[in-house]
Every structure is written in C-alpha cells, then in structure tokens.
Amino acid sequence: MDIATLIGFLGAWAIIISAIMLGPSAIIFVNAPSLLIVVGGTLMIIMMKYSMGQFLGAFKIAGKTFSNKLSDPLELIEKLQELANISRKDGLLALEGADIDDEFLKKGIQMMVDGHAPEMIRSVLNKDMAQTVERHSVGVTIFKGYAVYAPAMGMIGTLVGLVQMLANMSDPASIGPAMAVALLTTLYGSMIANMICQPIAEKLALRSNEEKLVKSLIIDGLQSIQAGHNPRVISELLSTYLPASKRPVEDE
C-alpha cells in the first residue's frame, strides 16, 4: 500500500467533507441531476474516445496508485549480484532453481537458462517493458481525459441550471433547485478533476517511470551476468540506477 497516496486522498476529502459538515446543512450539497450530468456525462465521453477494453482496464490500472508492488531496486541489485556469483561458480544452468520473486527477472533468467542469445533476450524483455509502459500511458491519458471533461461537464450543467432558472423566473419555487444544479455541477466537476482524476493520472505516470527503471536495471543485470562479468562490477554498474544517497558507500 502506498501510504502517501492513501493519506493524501483521504486527507483531501476529509478537509472538504469537514467544511461541508460544519455548515448549516450538508444535504444541500447532494444533488442527483448534478451528479448525473457530471459523472454520467464524463464517463460517456471517455467511453466514446476509447475501446471498451481500454475504458474498463483504466480502472484496474488506477489501482497502482494505491499499491506499490514493484521490487526494490537495491534488493534487486543484491539479488542480481547473488545470481552472478552462482553463475560464475556453477554456470548459467545453476540459476534454474534460484528463488526469484520478481516475474520479469524470472522470465529473463529462464531465457538465459534455455540458451537464448543475449540479443534475443534483450529484444524480448525490451518489448515486454515497452508494452507495459504503453498500457500505463493509456491509463494516464484516460484519467487526464476525466480531469479535462469533468469540469467541462460541470460547466454544461451550470448552463443547464441557469437556463432552467431563467425560464422559470415567474415561479420562485423553481429558482432554488435550478440554481443548485447550476452551482453544484461546477463543484462536482472541479472536485472529481482535481481530487481524483488528475492526481491518479500523475501518480500513474510516476509508477510507469519507476517500473521502466526497475525493468531496465534487470535487463542490464541479466546481460552482464550472461556476459560473465565480475559480480562486484555488476553491482557497481547497476548502482548507477540508484540515487546517490542510496548507493553503497564504496560506490561513491
């Protein structure tokens, strides 16, 4: 679980809800027509732009904002150094029974054990990485779309409410509900865009960059192991993927 995302999400909503609850009446902030226009309208527009698979898949990808299942780069470097030691002593075939948690690393090790050429392994793993980045890119684009269209639908709802209000100026009882639609759609659109969709889009972009870095590290490590490089040299090479503050002291 990504604590920063969870705290930020819950904290932002807690502040807004607290401000509403401290007012005279919280129920006035609930308006079904406004929700229908903003939420329903935004979903339909996004569905128009993408395939059903991409539309539904984006919600699954969004779960990455609240979870951090990526392998730790420092632990990966240690693992790759360990695998390099095994390979150097007993050969590449000895890696077949190695205990490996990372699926991407496991895939690369299996290809090495099966005797594939370094160029083939790099090509396959690079394609795997590119496809992952592309899926994340679609998710980022979709949620950025939500962030754009939610306020736009809020503005449309505002115009609908104003038209209803101006068309019934002779009926005082209808002015209040029409004004509520006009104002709440703008509020809903802004909240959905700035408190849900835009942060998710930006966090997904961050996750994508992190996953690309981890997979690039693995690819370089595997290529070095296959080339028979010294385990310590491999560790020093891969440490360049880490921030200076996290690198081993001897590498500084």
C-alpha atoms as a PDB file:
ATOM      1  CA  MET A   1       0.000   0.000   0.000  1.00  0.00           C
ATOM      2  CA  ASP A   2       1.256   3.456  -0.936  1.00  0.00           C
ATOM      3  CA  ILE A   3       0.810   5.408   2.299  1.00  0.00           C
ATOM      4  CA  ALA A   4       1.388   8.813   0.663  1.00  0.00           C
ATOM      5  CA  THR A   5      -1.423   8.276  -1.850  1.00  0.00           C
ATOM      6  CA  LEU A   6      -3.813   6.970   0.787  1.00  0.00           C
ATOM      7  CA  ILE A   7      -3.124   9.796   3.249  1.00  0.00           C
ATOM      8  CA  GLY A   8      -3.349  12.435   0.527  1.00  0.00           C
ATOM      9  CA  PHE A   9      -6.604  11.057  -0.892  1.00  0.00           C
ATOM     10  CA  LEU A  10      -8.345  10.602   2.448  1.00  0.00           C
ATOM     11  CA  GLY A  11      -6.964  13.855   3.836  1.00  0.00           C
ATOM     12  CA  ALA A  12      -8.159  15.981   0.918  1.00  0.00           C
ATOM     13  CA  TRP A  13     -11.660  14.533   1.063  1.00  0.00           C
ATOM     14  CA  ALA A  14     -11.765  14.778   4.864  1.00  0.00           C
ATOM     15  CA  ILE A  15     -10.998  18.501   4.688  1.00  0.00           C
ATOM     16  CA  ILE A  16     -13.744  19.183   2.141  1.00  0.00           C
ATOM     17  CA  ILE A  17     -16.319  16.998   3.906  1.00  0.00           C
ATOM     18  CA  SER A  18     -15.471  18.604   7.258  1.00  0.00           C
ATOM     19  CA  ALA A  19     -16.007  22.070   5.786  1.00  0.00           C
ATOM     20  CA  ILE A  20     -19.387  20.949   4.424  1.00  0.00           C
ATOM     21  CA  MET A  21     -20.444  19.336   7.704  1.00  0.00           C
ATOM     22  CA  LEU A  22     -19.564  22.484   9.633  1.00  0.00           C
ATOM     23  CA  GLY A  23     -22.052  24.426   7.517  1.00  0.00           C
ATOM     24  CA  PRO A  24     -25.763  24.802   8.227  1.00  0.00           C
ATOM     25  CA  SER A  25     -26.841  21.802   6.106  1.00  0.00           C
ATOM     26  CA  ALA A  26     -24.768  19.135   4.401  1.00  0.00           C
ATOM     27  CA  ILE A  27     -27.703  17.712   2.451  1.00  0.00           C
ATOM     28  CA  ILE A  28     -27.814  20.752   0.173  1.00  0.00           C
ATOM     29  CA  PHE A  29     -24.552  19.540  -1.386  1.00  0.00           C
ATOM     30  CA  VAL A  30     -26.225  16.368  -2.649  1.00  0.00           C
ATOM     31  CA  ASN A  31     -27.973  16.844  -5.975  1.00  0.00           C
ATOM     32  CA  ALA A  32     -28.855  13.899  -8.227  1.00  0.00           C
ATOM     33  CA  PRO A  33     -29.208  15.863 -11.515  1.00  0.00           C
ATOM     34  CA  SER A  34     -25.801  17.450 -10.978  1.00  0.00           C
ATOM     35  CA  LEU A  35     -24.169  14.067 -10.319  1.00  0.00           C
ATOM     36  CA  LEU A  36     -25.880  12.601 -13.367  1.00  0.00           C
ATOM     37  CA  ILE A  37     -24.595  15.351 -15.637  1.00  0.00           C
ATOM     38  CA  VAL A  38     -21.014  15.368 -14.351  1.00  0.00           C
ATOM     39  CA  VAL A  39     -20.346  11.698 -13.557  1.00  0.00           C
ATOM     40  CA  GLY A  40     -22.538  10.123 -16.207  1.00  0.00           C
ATOM     41  CA  GLY A  41     -21.642  12.628 -18.885  1.00  0.00           C
ATOM     42  CA  THR A  42     -17.905  12.362 -18.258  1.00  0.00           C
ATOM     43  CA  LEU A  43     -17.974   8.553 -18.325  1.00  0.00           C
ATOM     44  CA  MET A  44     -19.870   8.529 -21.617  1.00  0.00           C
ATOM     45  CA  ILE A  45     -17.459  10.970 -23.264  1.00  0.00           C
ATOM     46  CA  ILE A  46     -14.421   8.915 -22.218  1.00  0.00           C
ATOM     47  CA  MET A  47     -16.134   5.757 -23.452  1.00  0.00           C
ATOM     48  CA  MET A  48     -16.582   7.416 -26.849  1.00  0.00           C
ATOM     49  CA  LYS A  49     -12.842   8.037 -27.111  1.00  0.00           C
ATOM     50  CA  TYR A  50     -11.533   4.577 -26.215  1.00  0.00           C
ATOM     51  CA  SER A  51     -12.308   0.910 -26.712  1.00  0.00           C
ATOM     52  CA  MET A  52     -14.332  -0.874 -24.029  1.00  0.00           C
ATOM     53  CA  GLY A  53     -11.246  -2.834 -23.003  1.00  0.00           C
ATOM     54  CA  GLN A  54      -9.190   0.334 -22.532  1.00  0.00           C
ATOM     55  CA  PHE A  55     -12.076   2.063 -20.731  1.00  0.00           C
ATOM     56  CA  LEU A  56     -12.520  -0.755 -18.207  1.00  0.00           C
ATOM     57  CA  GLY A  57      -8.797  -1.524 -17.983  1.00  0.00           C
ATOM     58  CA  ALA A  58      -8.046   2.021 -16.857  1.00  0.00           C
ATOM     59  CA  PHE A  59      -9.826   1.398 -13.552  1.00  0.00           C
ATOM     60  CA  LYS A  60      -7.650  -1.667 -12.907  1.00  0.00           C
ATOM     61  CA  ILE A  61      -4.514   0.296 -13.759  1.00  0.00           C
ATOM     62  CA  ALA A  62      -5.669   3.054 -11.377  1.00  0.00           C
ATOM     63  CA  GLY A  63      -5.219   0.588  -8.528  1.00  0.00           C
ATOM     64  CA  LYS A  64      -1.461   1.027  -8.958  1.00  0.00           C
ATOM     65  CA  THR A  65      -1.781   4.478  -7.387  1.00  0.00           C
ATOM     66  CA  PHE A  66      -2.666   2.836  -4.058  1.00  0.00           C
ATOM     67  CA  SER A  67      -0.293  -0.116  -4.254  1.00  0.00           C
ATOM     68  CA  ASN A  68       3.439  -0.332  -4.739  1.00  0.00           C
ATOM     69  CA  LYS A  69       4.286  -3.883  -5.806  1.00  0.00           C
ATOM     70  CA  LEU A  70       7.496  -3.030  -7.616  1.00  0.00           C
ATOM     71  CA  SER A  71      10.665  -4.740  -6.467  1.00  0.00           C
ATOM     72  CA  ASP A  72      13.024  -2.512  -4.523  1.00  0.00           C
ATOM     73  CA  PRO A  73      15.954  -1.548  -6.810  1.00  0.00           C
ATOM     74  CA  LEU A  74      18.528  -2.024  -4.036  1.00  0.00           C
ATOM     75  CA  GLU A  75      17.194  -5.506  -3.264  1.00  0.00           C
ATOM     76  CA  LEU A  76      17.230  -6.315  -6.976  1.00  0.00           C
ATOM     77  CA  ILE A  77      20.877  -5.304  -7.256  1.00  0.00           C
ATOM     78  CA  GLU A  78      21.742  -7.560  -4.333  1.00  0.00           C
ATOM     79  CA  LYS A  79      19.765 -10.397  -5.905  1.00  0.00           C
ATOM     80  CA  LEU A  80      21.446  -9.948  -9.287  1.00  0.00           C
ATOM     81  CA  GLN A  81      24.856  -9.919  -7.608  1.00  0.00           C
ATOM     82  CA  GLU A  82      23.930 -13.158  -5.851  1.00  0.00           C
ATOM     83  CA  LEU A  83      22.823 -14.710  -9.148  1.00  0.00           C
ATOM     84  CA  ALA A  84      26.056 -13.530 -10.787  1.00  0.00           C
ATOM     85  CA  ASN A  85      28.058 -15.318  -8.095  1.00  0.00           C
ATOM     86  CA  ILE A  86      26.109 -18.540  -8.664  1.00  0.00           C
ATOM     87  CA  SER A  87      26.520 -18.293 -12.426  1.00  0.00           C
ATOM     88  CA  ARG A  88      30.242 -17.595 -12.120  1.00  0.00           C
ATOM     89  CA  LYS A  89      30.805 -20.632  -9.907  1.00  0.00           C
ATOM     90  CA  ASP A  90      28.391 -23.208 -11.333  1.00  0.00           C
ATOM     91  CA  GLY A  91      27.329 -21.904 -14.757  1.00  0.00           C
ATOM     92  CA  LEU A  92      24.099 -20.423 -16.075  1.00  0.00           C
ATOM     93  CA  LEU A  93      22.189 -23.705 -15.716  1.00  0.00           C
ATOM     94  CA  ALA A  94      22.581 -23.451 -11.941  1.00  0.00           C
ATOM     95  CA  LEU A  95      20.267 -20.431 -11.976  1.00  0.00           C
ATOM     96  CA  GLU A  96      17.248 -22.528 -12.956  1.00  0.00           C
ATOM     97  CA  GLY A  97      16.396 -23.411  -9.376  1.00  0.00           C
ATOM     98  CA  ALA A  98      17.095 -19.965  -7.945  1.00  0.00           C
ATOM     99  CA  ASP A  99      14.462 -18.418  -5.669  1.00  0.00           C
ATOM    100  CA  ILE A 100      13.242 -15.336  -7.567  1.00  0.00           C
ATOM    101  CA  ASP A 101      10.152 -13.294  -6.661  1.00  0.00           C
ATOM    102  CA  ASP A 102      10.193 -10.734  -9.481  1.00  0.00           C
ATOM    103  CA  GLU A 103       8.346 -12.182 -12.501  1.00  0.00           C
ATOM    104  CA  PHE A 104      10.238 -10.061 -15.039  1.00  0.00           C
ATOM    105  CA  LEU A 105      13.581 -11.195 -13.627  1.00  0.00           C
ATOM    106  CA  LYS A 106      12.370 -14.794 -13.510  1.00  0.00           C
ATOM    107  CA  LYS A 107      11.400 -14.605 -17.186  1.00  0.00           C
ATOM    108  CA  GLY A 108      14.844 -13.313 -18.137  1.00  0.00           C
ATOM    109  CA  ILE A 109      16.643 -15.952 -16.081  1.00  0.00           C
ATOM    110  CA  GLN A 110      14.592 -18.697 -17.720  1.00  0.00           C
ATOM    111  CA  MET A 111      15.506 -17.416 -21.180  1.00  0.00           C
ATOM    112  CA  MET A 112      19.177 -17.436 -20.195  1.00  0.00           C
ATOM    113  CA  VAL A 113      18.928 -20.982 -18.870  1.00  0.00           C
ATOM    114  CA  ASP A 114      17.200 -22.043 -22.096  1.00  0.00           C
ATOM    115  CA  GLY A 115      20.236 -20.830 -24.019  1.00  0.00           C
ATOM    116  CA  HIS A 116      18.805 -17.847 -25.890  1.00  0.00           C
ATOM    117  CA  ALA A 117      21.247 -15.334 -27.342  1.00  0.00           C
ATOM    118  CA  PRO A 118      21.776 -12.060 -25.421  1.00  0.00           C
ATOM    119  CA  GLU A 119      20.327 -10.074 -28.330  1.00  0.00           C
ATOM    120  CA  MET A 120      17.138 -12.170 -28.272  1.00  0.00           C
ATOM    121  CA  ILE A 121      16.730 -11.815 -24.515  1.00  0.00           C
ATOM    122  CA  ARG A 122      17.216  -8.055 -24.644  1.00  0.00           C
ATOM    123  CA  SER A 123      14.761  -7.758 -27.544  1.00  0.00           C
ATOM    124  CA  VAL A 124      12.028  -9.805 -25.819  1.00  0.00           C
ATOM    125  CA  LEU A 125      12.412  -8.045 -22.468  1.00  0.00           C
ATOM    126  CA  ASN A 126      12.511  -4.600 -24.079  1.00  0.00           C
ATOM    127  CA  LYS A 127       9.267  -5.372 -25.907  1.00  0.00           C
ATOM    128  CA  ASP A 128       7.693  -6.573 -22.662  1.00  0.00           C
ATOM    129  CA  MET A 129       8.765  -3.338 -20.976  1.00  0.00           C
ATOM    130  CA  ALA A 130       7.507  -1.191 -23.875  1.00  0.00           C
ATOM    131  CA  GLN A 131       4.088  -2.861 -23.801  1.00  0.00           C
ATOM    132  CA  THR A 132       3.808  -2.284 -20.058  1.00  0.00           C
ATOM    133  CA  VAL A 133       4.711   1.387 -20.470  1.00  0.00           C
ATOM    134  CA  GLU A 134       2.163   1.691 -23.301  1.00  0.00           C
ATOM    135  CA  ARG A 135      -0.631   0.247 -21.136  1.00  0.00           C
ATOM    136  CA  HIS A 136       0.242   2.687 -18.380  1.00  0.00           C
ATOM    137  CA  SER A 137       0.347   5.520 -20.914  1.00  0.00           C
ATOM    138  CA  VAL A 138      -3.212   4.757 -21.994  1.00  0.00           C
ATOM    139  CA  GLY A 139      -4.328   4.770 -18.345  1.00  0.00           C
ATOM    140  CA  VAL A 140      -2.619   8.128 -17.762  1.00  0.00           C
ATOM    141  CA  THR A 141      -4.258   9.598 -20.865  1.00  0.00           C
ATOM    142  CA  ILE A 142      -7.703   8.339 -19.854  1.00  0.00           C
ATOM    143  CA  PHE A 143      -7.525   9.844 -16.378  1.00  0.00           C
ATOM    144  CA  LYS A 144      -6.198  13.093 -17.768  1.00  0.00           C
ATOM    145  CA  GLY A 145      -9.265  12.994 -20.016  1.00  0.00           C
ATOM    146  CA  TYR A 146     -11.501  12.611 -16.973  1.00  0.00           C
ATOM    147  CA  ALA A 147      -9.753  15.602 -15.410  1.00  0.00           C
ATOM    148  CA  VAL A 148     -10.483  17.670 -18.530  1.00  0.00           C
ATOM    149  CA  TYR A 149     -14.062  16.606 -19.208  1.00  0.00           C
ATOM    150  CA  ALA A 150     -15.401  16.574 -15.635  1.00  0.00           C
ATOM    151  CA  PRO A 151     -15.088  20.388 -15.264  1.00  0.00           C
ATOM    152  CA  ALA A 152     -16.407  20.786 -18.827  1.00  0.00           C
ATOM    153  CA  MET A 153     -19.498  18.760 -17.945  1.00  0.00           C
ATOM    154  CA  GLY A 154     -19.762  20.834 -14.787  1.00  0.00           C
ATOM    155  CA  MET A 155     -19.906  23.954 -16.922  1.00  0.00           C
ATOM    156  CA  ILE A 156     -22.558  22.376 -19.130  1.00  0.00           C
ATOM    157  CA  GLY A 157     -24.557  21.533 -16.009  1.00  0.00           C
ATOM    158  CA  THR A 158     -24.184  25.122 -14.859  1.00  0.00           C
ATOM    159  CA  LEU A 159     -25.623  26.357 -18.144  1.00  0.00           C
ATOM    160  CA  VAL A 160     -28.493  23.862 -17.895  1.00  0.00           C
ATOM    161  CA  GLY A 161     -29.296  25.109 -14.411  1.00  0.00           C
ATOM    162  CA  LEU A 162     -29.151  28.765 -15.476  1.00  0.00           C
ATOM    163  CA  VAL A 163     -31.454  28.125 -18.432  1.00  0.00           C
ATOM    164  CA  GLN A 164     -33.931  26.382 -16.138  1.00  0.00           C
ATOM    165  CA  MET A 165     -33.727  29.232 -13.667  1.00  0.00           C
ATOM    166  CA  LEU A 166     -34.187  31.990 -16.251  1.00  0.00           C
ATOM    167  CA  ALA A 167     -37.058  30.127 -17.911  1.00  0.00           C
ATOM    168  CA  ASN A 168     -38.972  29.995 -14.641  1.00  0.00           C
ATOM    169  CA  MET A 169     -38.322  33.368 -13.061  1.00  0.00           C
ATOM    170  CA  SER A 170     -42.051  33.733 -12.527  1.00  0.00           C
ATOM    171  CA  ASP A 171     -42.035  30.672 -10.253  1.00  0.00           C
ATOM    172  CA  PRO A 172     -39.931  31.431  -7.154  1.00  0.00           C
ATOM    173  CA  ALA A 173     -40.089  27.800  -6.014  1.00  0.00           C
ATOM    174  CA  SER A 174     -38.156  26.597  -9.072  1.00  0.00           C
ATOM    175  CA  ILE A 175     -35.321  29.095  -8.798  1.00  0.00           C
ATOM    176  CA  GLY A 176     -33.617  27.370  -5.842  1.00  0.00           C
ATOM    177  CA  PRO A 177     -33.359  23.858  -7.359  1.00  0.00           C
ATOM    178  CA  ALA A 178     -32.238  25.267 -10.711  1.00  0.00           C
ATOM    179  CA  MET A 179     -29.541  27.345  -9.035  1.00  0.00           C
ATOM    180  CA  ALA A 180     -28.414  24.267  -7.065  1.00  0.00           C
ATOM    181  CA  VAL A 181     -27.903  22.354 -10.315  1.00  0.00           C
ATOM    182  CA  ALA A 182     -26.037  25.335 -11.762  1.00  0.00           C
ATOM    183  CA  LEU A 183     -23.589  25.622  -8.875  1.00  0.00           C
ATOM    184  CA  LEU A 184     -23.192  22.004  -7.783  1.00  0.00           C
ATOM    185  CA  THR A 185     -22.296  20.699 -11.233  1.00  0.00           C
ATOM    186  CA  THR A 186     -19.353  23.102 -11.294  1.00  0.00           C
ATOM    187  CA  LEU A 187     -18.376  21.970  -7.785  1.00  0.00           C
ATOM    188  CA  TYR A 188     -18.658  18.278  -8.631  1.00  0.00           C
ATOM    189  CA  GLY A 189     -16.691  18.673 -11.837  1.00  0.00           C
ATOM    190  CA  SER A 190     -13.878  20.520 -10.096  1.00  0.00           C
ATOM    191  CA  MET A 191     -13.696  18.025  -7.223  1.00  0.00           C
ATOM    192  CA  ILE A 192     -13.641  14.979  -9.489  1.00  0.00           C
ATOM    193  CA  ALA A 193     -10.953  16.507 -11.699  1.00  0.00           C
ATOM    194  CA  ASN A 194      -8.646  17.887  -9.017  1.00  0.00           C
ATOM    195  CA  MET A 195      -9.200  15.467  -6.133  1.00  0.00           C
ATOM    196  CA  ILE A 196      -9.414  12.173  -8.031  1.00  0.00           C
ATOM    197  CA  CYS A 197      -8.538  12.091 -11.729  1.00  0.00           C
ATOM    198  CA  GLN A 198      -5.562  14.435 -12.105  1.00  0.00           C
ATOM    199  CA  PRO A 199      -3.719  13.032  -9.058  1.00  0.00           C
ATOM    200  CA  ILE A 200      -4.327   9.475 -10.305  1.00  0.00           C
ATOM    201  CA  ALA A 201      -3.007  10.375 -13.769  1.00  0.00           C
ATOM    202  CA  GLU A 202       0.151  11.922 -12.344  1.00  0.00           C
ATOM    203  CA  LYS A 203       0.746   9.047  -9.900  1.00  0.00           C
ATOM    204  CA  LEU A 204       0.315   6.516 -12.715  1.00  0.00           C
ATOM    205  CA  ALA A 205       2.920   8.394 -14.759  1.00  0.00           C
ATOM    206  CA  LEU A 206       5.275   8.211 -11.770  1.00  0.00           C
ATOM    207  CA  ARG A 207       4.603   4.473 -11.351  1.00  0.00           C
ATOM    208  CA  SER A 208       5.282   3.923 -15.053  1.00  0.00           C
ATOM    209  CA  ASN A 209       8.666   5.649 -14.804  1.00  0.00           C
ATOM    210  CA  GLU A 210       9.538   3.629 -11.704  1.00  0.00           C
ATOM    211  CA  GLU A 211       8.617   0.337 -13.410  1.00  0.00           C
ATOM    212  CA  LYS A 212      10.610   1.268 -16.501  1.00  0.00           C
ATOM    213  CA  LEU A 213      13.666   1.988 -14.341  1.00  0.00           C
ATOM    214  CA  VAL A 214      13.347  -1.318 -12.476  1.00  0.00           C
ATOM    215  CA  LYS A 215      12.982  -3.338 -15.677  1.00  0.00           C
ATOM    216  CA  SER A 216      15.888  -1.527 -17.336  1.00  0.00           C
ATOM    217  CA  LEU A 217      18.004  -2.373 -14.297  1.00  0.00           C
ATOM    218  CA  ILE A 218      17.028  -6.040 -14.600  1.00  0.00           C
ATOM    219  CA  ILE A 219      17.812  -6.150 -18.323  1.00  0.00           C
ATOM    220  CA  ASP A 220      21.272  -4.646 -17.809  1.00  0.00           C
ATOM    221  CA  GLY A 221      21.919  -7.004 -14.909  1.00  0.00           C
ATOM    222  CA  LEU A 222      20.931 -10.078 -16.902  1.00  0.00           C
ATOM    223  CA  GLN A 223      23.073  -9.047 -19.844  1.00  0.00           C
ATOM    224  CA  SER A 224      26.065  -8.591 -17.541  1.00  0.00           C
ATOM    225  CA  ILE A 225      25.518 -11.982 -15.902  1.00  0.00           C
ATOM    226  CA  GLN A 226      25.274 -13.660 -19.299  1.00  0.00           C
ATOM    227  CA  ALA A 227      28.470 -11.920 -20.389  1.00  0.00           C
ATOM    228  CA  GLY A 228      30.249 -13.333 -17.330  1.00  0.00           C
ATOM    229  CA  HIS A 229      31.141 -10.018 -15.716  1.00  0.00           C
ATOM    230  CA  ASN A 230      32.513  -9.880 -12.188  1.00  0.00           C
ATOM    231  CA  PRO A 231      29.641  -9.724  -9.627  1.00  0.00           C
ATOM    232  CA  ARG A 232      31.162  -6.686  -7.934  1.00  0.00           C
ATOM    233  CA  VAL A 233      31.440  -4.873 -11.265  1.00  0.00           C
ATOM    234  CA  ILE A 234      27.798  -5.747 -11.972  1.00  0.00           C
ATOM    235  CA  SER A 235      26.779  -4.282  -8.616  1.00  0.00           C
ATOM    236  CA  GLU A 236      28.705  -1.077  -9.316  1.00  0.00           C
ATOM    237  CA  LEU A 237      27.148  -0.796 -12.782  1.00  0.00           C
ATOM    238  CA  LEU A 238      23.604  -1.292 -11.520  1.00  0.00           C
ATOM    239  CA  SER A 239      24.112   1.098  -8.601  1.00  0.00           C
ATOM    240  CA  THR A 240      24.010   3.936 -11.125  1.00  0.00           C
ATOM    241  CA  TYR A 241      20.235   3.360 -11.219  1.00  0.00           C
ATOM    242  CA  LEU A 242      20.019   4.404  -7.575  1.00  0.00           C
ATOM    243  CA  PRO A 243      20.009   7.940  -6.175  1.00  0.00           C
ATOM    244  CA  ALA A 244      23.455   8.883  -4.846  1.00  0.00           C
ATOM    245  CA  SER A 245      22.173   8.788  -1.261  1.00  0.00           C
ATOM    246  CA  LYS A 246      21.146   5.115  -1.599  1.00  0.00           C
ATOM    247  CA  ARG A 247      24.263   3.795  -3.274  1.00  0.00           C
ATOM    248  CA  PRO A 248      26.719   1.671  -1.264  1.00  0.00           C
ATOM    249  CA  VAL A 249      29.445   3.743   0.360  1.00  0.00           C
ATOM    250  CA  GLU A 250      32.179   2.152  -1.686  1.00  0.00           C
ATOM    251  CA  ASP A 251      30.454   3.271  -4.906  1.00  0.00           C
ATOM    252  CA  GLU A 252      30.512   6.970  -4.028  1.00  0.00           C
END
